[in-house]
């Protein structure tokens, strides 16, 4: 079991396990006795792979969201600068109009 776990945790492909359709042993006993253990190992390996895949997908999504946040923050800052310039221009034009109105 430790060897199977080490192979799964190292990222190597899972080892081949005996199938359920294995022939009977020479003394006539059915080999399905070992199958539940093998099934448990196989399920564990699949679960480990699925969990690893889920965690990676979660990390990728967080990276994607952080990139979007960075882009939106930059865009917001650019818009704030643009707004400040527009407000300054508006105020300058208003003061020119007030000066012309006084003449």
N, C-alpha and C. Protein backbone atom coordinates (compact mmCIF):
# COMPACT_ATOMS: atom_id res chain seq x y z
N UNK A 1 0.84 -1.19 0.00
CA UNK A 1 0.00 0.00 0.00
C UNK A 1 0.87 1.24 0.00
N UNK A 2 1.96 1.25 0.76
CA UNK A 2 2.84 2.41 0.80
C UNK A 2 3.46 2.67 -0.55
N UNK A 3 3.83 1.61 -1.28
CA UNK A 3 4.41 1.78 -2.61
C UNK A 3 3.39 2.38 -3.56
N UNK A 4 2.15 1.93 -3.47
CA UNK A 4 1.10 2.47 -4.34
C UNK A 4 0.86 3.94 -4.02
N UNK A 5 0.87 4.30 -2.73
CA UNK A 5 0.67 5.69 -2.33
C UNK A 5 1.84 6.55 -2.80
N UNK A 6 3.06 6.04 -2.69
CA UNK A 6 4.24 6.78 -3.12
C UNK A 6 4.18 7.04 -4.62
N UNK A 7 3.73 6.08 -5.38
CA UNK A 7 3.63 6.26 -6.83
C UNK A 7 2.59 7.31 -7.17
N UNK A 8 1.48 7.34 -6.43
CA UNK A 8 0.43 8.32 -6.69
C UNK A 8 0.88 9.70 -6.28
N UNK A 9 1.51 9.83 -5.12
CA UNK A 9 1.90 11.14 -4.64
C UNK A 9 3.07 11.73 -5.41
N UNK A 10 3.83 10.90 -6.12
CA UNK A 10 4.96 11.42 -6.89
C UNK A 10 4.54 11.93 -8.25
N UNK A 11 3.28 11.75 -8.62
CA UNK A 11 2.81 12.21 -9.91
C UNK A 11 2.99 11.19 -11.01
N UNK A 12 3.55 10.04 -10.68
CA UNK A 12 3.73 8.98 -11.68
C UNK A 12 2.39 8.34 -11.97
N UNK A 13 2.25 7.73 -13.14
CA UNK A 13 0.98 7.06 -13.42
C UNK A 13 0.75 5.92 -12.45
N UNK A 14 -0.52 5.63 -12.15
CA UNK A 14 -0.79 4.58 -11.17
C UNK A 14 -0.33 3.22 -11.68
N UNK A 15 0.14 2.37 -10.77
CA UNK A 15 0.59 1.04 -11.20
C UNK A 15 -0.59 0.21 -11.68
N UNK A 16 -0.29 -0.73 -12.53
CA UNK A 16 -1.34 -1.61 -13.03
C UNK A 16 -1.76 -2.55 -11.91
N UNK A 17 -3.04 -2.72 -11.77
CA UNK A 17 -3.58 -3.58 -10.73
C UNK A 17 -4.25 -4.77 -11.38
N UNK A 18 -4.32 -5.90 -10.70
CA UNK A 18 -4.97 -7.07 -11.29
C UNK A 18 -6.44 -6.77 -11.55
N UNK A 19 -6.97 -7.32 -12.62
CA UNK A 19 -8.37 -7.08 -12.96
C UNK A 19 -9.26 -8.08 -12.22
N UNK A 20 -10.54 -7.81 -12.23
CA UNK A 20 -11.51 -8.70 -11.59
C UNK A 20 -11.62 -10.02 -12.33
N UNK A 21 -11.32 -10.02 -13.60
CA UNK A 21 -11.49 -11.22 -14.42
C UNK A 21 -10.27 -12.12 -14.39
N UNK A 22 -9.49 -12.06 -13.33
CA UNK A 22 -8.31 -12.91 -13.26
C UNK A 22 -8.73 -14.36 -13.06
N UNK A 23 -7.97 -15.28 -13.60
CA UNK A 23 -8.34 -16.71 -13.50
C UNK A 23 -8.22 -17.21 -12.07
N UNK A 24 -8.89 -18.32 -11.80
CA UNK A 24 -8.82 -18.94 -10.48
C UNK A 24 -7.41 -19.44 -10.22
N UNK A 25 -7.06 -19.52 -8.95
CA UNK A 25 -5.74 -20.02 -8.59
C UNK A 25 -5.69 -21.53 -8.80
N UNK A 26 -4.51 -22.08 -8.74
CA UNK A 26 -4.34 -23.51 -9.02
C UNK A 26 -5.04 -24.39 -8.00
N UNK A 27 -5.25 -23.90 -6.77
CA UNK A 27 -5.91 -24.75 -5.78
C UNK A 27 -7.44 -24.61 -5.82
N UNK A 28 -7.97 -23.85 -6.78
CA UNK A 28 -9.41 -23.78 -6.97
C UNK A 28 -10.08 -22.64 -6.23
N UNK A 29 -9.35 -21.89 -5.42
CA UNK A 29 -9.96 -20.77 -4.71
C UNK A 29 -10.14 -19.60 -5.66
N UNK A 30 -11.17 -18.82 -5.43
CA UNK A 30 -11.46 -17.65 -6.26
C UNK A 30 -10.51 -16.52 -5.85
N UNK A 31 -9.99 -15.78 -6.82
CA UNK A 31 -9.04 -14.71 -6.53
C UNK A 31 -9.74 -13.40 -6.19
N UNK A 32 -11.08 -13.40 -6.10
CA UNK A 32 -11.81 -12.18 -5.76
C UNK A 32 -11.56 -11.74 -4.33
N UNK A 33 -10.91 -12.55 -3.52
CA UNK A 33 -10.62 -12.19 -2.14
C UNK A 33 -9.72 -10.97 -2.10
N UNK A 34 -8.75 -10.87 -2.99
CA UNK A 34 -7.83 -9.74 -3.02
C UNK A 34 -8.41 -8.55 -3.77
N UNK A 35 -9.46 -8.76 -4.53
CA UNK A 35 -10.03 -7.70 -5.35
C UNK A 35 -10.56 -6.51 -4.55
N UNK A 36 -11.27 -6.71 -3.44
CA UNK A 36 -11.74 -5.53 -2.70
C UNK A 36 -10.58 -4.62 -2.28
N UNK A 37 -9.47 -5.21 -1.90
CA UNK A 37 -8.31 -4.41 -1.53
C UNK A 37 -7.79 -3.64 -2.74
N UNK A 38 -7.70 -4.33 -3.87
CA UNK A 38 -7.22 -3.68 -5.09
C UNK A 38 -8.19 -2.59 -5.53
N UNK A 39 -9.49 -2.84 -5.40
CA UNK A 39 -10.49 -1.83 -5.74
C UNK A 39 -10.35 -0.61 -4.85
N UNK A 40 -10.09 -0.85 -3.57
CA UNK A 40 -9.92 0.25 -2.63
C UNK A 40 -8.71 1.09 -3.01
N UNK A 41 -7.62 0.43 -3.37
CA UNK A 41 -6.41 1.15 -3.79
C UNK A 41 -6.69 1.95 -5.06
N UNK A 42 -7.36 1.33 -6.01
CA UNK A 42 -7.68 2.00 -7.27
C UNK A 42 -8.58 3.21 -7.03
N UNK A 43 -9.60 3.05 -6.18
CA UNK A 43 -10.48 4.18 -5.85
C UNK A 43 -9.70 5.30 -5.19
N UNK A 44 -8.79 4.92 -4.30
CA UNK A 44 -7.97 5.91 -3.60
C UNK A 44 -7.09 6.67 -4.59
N UNK A 45 -6.50 5.95 -5.54
CA UNK A 45 -5.66 6.58 -6.55
C UNK A 45 -6.48 7.56 -7.40
N UNK A 46 -7.65 7.11 -7.82
CA UNK A 46 -8.51 7.98 -8.63
C UNK A 46 -8.92 9.21 -7.85
N UNK A 47 -9.24 9.02 -6.57
CA UNK A 47 -9.64 10.14 -5.73
C UNK A 47 -8.48 11.12 -5.56
N UNK A 48 -7.28 10.59 -5.36
CA UNK A 48 -6.10 11.44 -5.21
C UNK A 48 -5.87 12.26 -6.47
N UNK A 49 -6.00 11.62 -7.63
CA UNK A 49 -5.82 12.33 -8.90
C UNK A 49 -6.90 13.39 -9.06
N UNK A 50 -8.14 13.04 -8.74
CA UNK A 50 -9.25 14.00 -8.86
C UNK A 50 -9.05 15.17 -7.91
N UNK A 51 -8.60 14.91 -6.70
CA UNK A 51 -8.37 15.98 -5.73
C UNK A 51 -7.25 16.90 -6.20
N UNK A 52 -6.18 16.31 -6.74
CA UNK A 52 -5.07 17.11 -7.26
C UNK A 52 -5.55 17.99 -8.42
N UNK A 53 -6.35 17.40 -9.30
CA UNK A 53 -6.88 18.14 -10.45
C UNK A 53 -7.77 19.29 -9.97
N UNK A 54 -8.61 19.04 -8.98
CA UNK A 54 -9.49 20.07 -8.43
C UNK A 54 -8.69 21.20 -7.80
N UNK A 55 -7.66 20.84 -7.02
CA UNK A 55 -6.84 21.87 -6.39
C UNK A 55 -6.13 22.73 -7.43
N UNK A 56 -5.62 22.09 -8.50
CA UNK A 56 -4.95 22.84 -9.56
C UNK A 56 -5.94 23.77 -10.27
N UNK A 57 -7.14 23.27 -10.51
CA UNK A 57 -8.17 24.08 -11.17
C UNK A 57 -8.50 25.29 -10.30
N UNK A 58 -8.56 25.09 -8.99
CA UNK A 58 -8.84 26.17 -8.05
C UNK A 58 -7.72 27.21 -8.09
N UNK A 59 -6.48 26.77 -8.10
CA UNK A 59 -5.33 27.68 -8.18
C UNK A 59 -5.36 28.46 -9.49
N UNK A 60 -5.66 27.76 -10.59
CA UNK A 60 -5.74 28.43 -11.89
C UNK A 60 -6.84 29.49 -11.90
N UNK A 61 -7.97 29.19 -11.29
CA UNK A 61 -9.08 30.15 -11.24
C UNK A 61 -8.70 31.36 -10.40
N UNK A 62 -8.02 31.14 -9.28
CA UNK A 62 -7.57 32.25 -8.44
C UNK A 62 -6.59 33.12 -9.22
N UNK A 63 -5.66 32.50 -9.95
CA UNK A 63 -4.71 33.26 -10.77
C UNK A 63 -5.44 34.09 -11.81
N UNK A 64 -6.45 33.49 -12.43
CA UNK A 64 -7.24 34.20 -13.45
C UNK A 64 -7.96 35.40 -12.83
N UNK A 65 -8.56 35.20 -11.67
CA UNK A 65 -9.27 36.28 -10.99
C UNK A 65 -8.32 37.39 -10.56
N UNK A 66 -7.13 37.02 -10.09
CA UNK A 66 -6.15 38.03 -9.69
C UNK A 66 -5.69 38.85 -10.89
N UNK A 67 -5.52 38.20 -12.04
CA UNK A 67 -5.14 38.92 -13.26
C UNK A 67 -6.25 39.88 -13.67
N UNK A 68 -7.50 39.42 -13.58
CA UNK A 68 -8.63 40.29 -13.90
C UNK A 68 -8.69 41.48 -12.95
N UNK A 69 -8.45 41.23 -11.66
CA UNK A 69 -8.46 42.30 -10.67
C UNK A 69 -7.39 43.33 -10.98
N UNK A 70 -6.20 42.85 -11.33
CA UNK A 70 -5.10 43.76 -11.65
C UNK A 70 -5.46 44.63 -12.86
N UNK A 71 -6.03 44.02 -13.89
CA UNK A 71 -6.42 44.76 -15.09
C UNK A 71 -7.51 45.78 -14.79
N UNK A 72 -8.51 45.38 -14.01
CA UNK A 72 -9.60 46.30 -13.67
C UNK A 72 -9.11 47.44 -12.78
N UNK A 73 -8.19 47.15 -11.89
CA UNK A 73 -7.62 48.19 -11.03
C UNK A 73 -6.87 49.21 -11.88
N UNK A 74 -6.10 48.72 -12.85
CA UNK A 74 -5.38 49.62 -13.75
C UNK A 74 -6.36 50.47 -14.55
N UNK A 75 -7.41 49.84 -15.06
CA UNK A 75 -8.42 50.56 -15.84
C UNK A 75 -9.12 51.61 -14.97
N UNK A 76 -9.45 51.25 -13.73
CA UNK A 76 -10.08 52.21 -12.81
C UNK A 76 -9.18 53.41 -12.56
N UNK A 77 -7.90 53.14 -12.33
CA UNK A 77 -6.96 54.23 -12.08
C UNK A 77 -6.84 55.14 -13.30
N UNK A 78 -6.80 54.55 -14.50
CA UNK A 78 -6.75 55.35 -15.73
C UNK A 78 -8.01 56.21 -15.86
N UNK A 79 -9.16 55.64 -15.54
CA UNK A 79 -10.41 56.40 -15.62
C UNK A 79 -10.45 57.54 -14.59
N UNK A 80 -9.91 57.30 -13.42
CA UNK A 80 -9.86 58.36 -12.40
C UNK A 80 -8.99 59.53 -12.88
N UNK A 81 -7.87 59.19 -13.49
CA UNK A 81 -6.99 60.24 -14.01
C UNK A 81 -7.70 61.00 -15.12
N UNK A 82 -8.35 60.27 -16.01
CA UNK A 82 -9.08 60.91 -17.11
C UNK A 82 -10.19 61.82 -16.57
N UNK A 83 -10.91 61.35 -15.55
CA UNK A 83 -11.97 62.15 -14.94
C UNK A 83 -11.40 63.42 -14.33
N UNK A 84 -10.29 63.30 -13.62
CA UNK A 84 -9.67 64.48 -13.00
C UNK A 84 -9.29 65.50 -14.07
N UNK A 85 -8.74 65.03 -15.19
CA UNK A 85 -8.38 65.95 -16.28
C UNK A 85 -9.63 66.62 -16.86
N UNK A 86 -10.69 65.83 -17.05
CA UNK A 86 -11.94 66.39 -17.59
C UNK A 86 -12.53 67.43 -16.63
N UNK A 87 -12.50 67.13 -15.35
CA UNK A 87 -13.02 68.08 -14.36
C UNK A 87 -12.20 69.36 -14.35
N UNK A 88 -10.88 69.22 -14.46
CA UNK A 88 -10.02 70.40 -14.50
C UNK A 88 -10.31 71.23 -15.75
N UNK A 89 -10.48 70.56 -16.87
CA UNK A 89 -10.79 71.27 -18.12
C UNK A 89 -12.14 71.97 -18.02
N UNK A 90 -13.13 71.29 -17.44
CA UNK A 90 -14.46 71.88 -17.26
C UNK A 90 -14.38 73.12 -16.38
N UNK A 91 -13.64 73.02 -15.30
CA UNK A 91 -13.50 74.16 -14.39
C UNK A 91 -12.79 75.32 -15.08
N UNK A 92 -11.78 75.01 -15.89
CA UNK A 92 -11.06 76.07 -16.62
C UNK A 92 -12.00 76.76 -17.62
N UNK A 93 -12.80 75.99 -18.32
CA UNK A 93 -13.74 76.57 -19.29
C UNK A 93 -14.81 77.41 -18.58
N UNK A 94 -15.28 76.94 -17.44
CA UNK A 94 -16.27 77.71 -16.67
C UNK A 94 -15.69 79.04 -16.21
N UNK A 95 -14.45 79.02 -15.77
CA UNK A 95 -13.83 80.28 -15.31
C UNK A 95 -13.64 81.24 -16.48
N UNK A 96 -13.34 80.72 -17.67
CA UNK A 96 -13.23 81.58 -18.86
C UNK A 96 -14.59 82.19 -19.18
N UNK A 97 -15.64 81.38 -19.09
CA UNK A 97 -16.99 81.88 -19.38
C UNK A 97 -17.40 82.94 -18.36
N UNK A 98 -17.05 82.75 -17.09
CA UNK A 98 -17.38 83.73 -16.06
C UNK A 98 -16.62 85.04 -16.31
N UNK A 99 -15.38 84.90 -16.74
CA UNK A 99 -14.58 86.10 -17.01
C UNK A 99 -15.15 86.86 -18.20
N UNK A 100 -15.59 86.13 -19.23
CA UNK A 100 -16.19 86.78 -20.41
C UNK A 100 -17.53 87.41 -20.06
N UNK A 101 -18.27 86.82 -19.15
CA UNK A 101 -19.58 87.34 -18.76
C UNK A 101 -19.44 88.65 -17.99
N UNK A 102 -18.35 88.84 -17.28
CA UNK A 102 -18.11 90.05 -16.49
C UNK A 102 -17.72 91.23 -17.38
N UNK A 103 -17.26 90.98 -18.57
CA UNK A 103 -16.81 92.07 -19.45
C UNK A 103 -17.92 92.80 -20.08
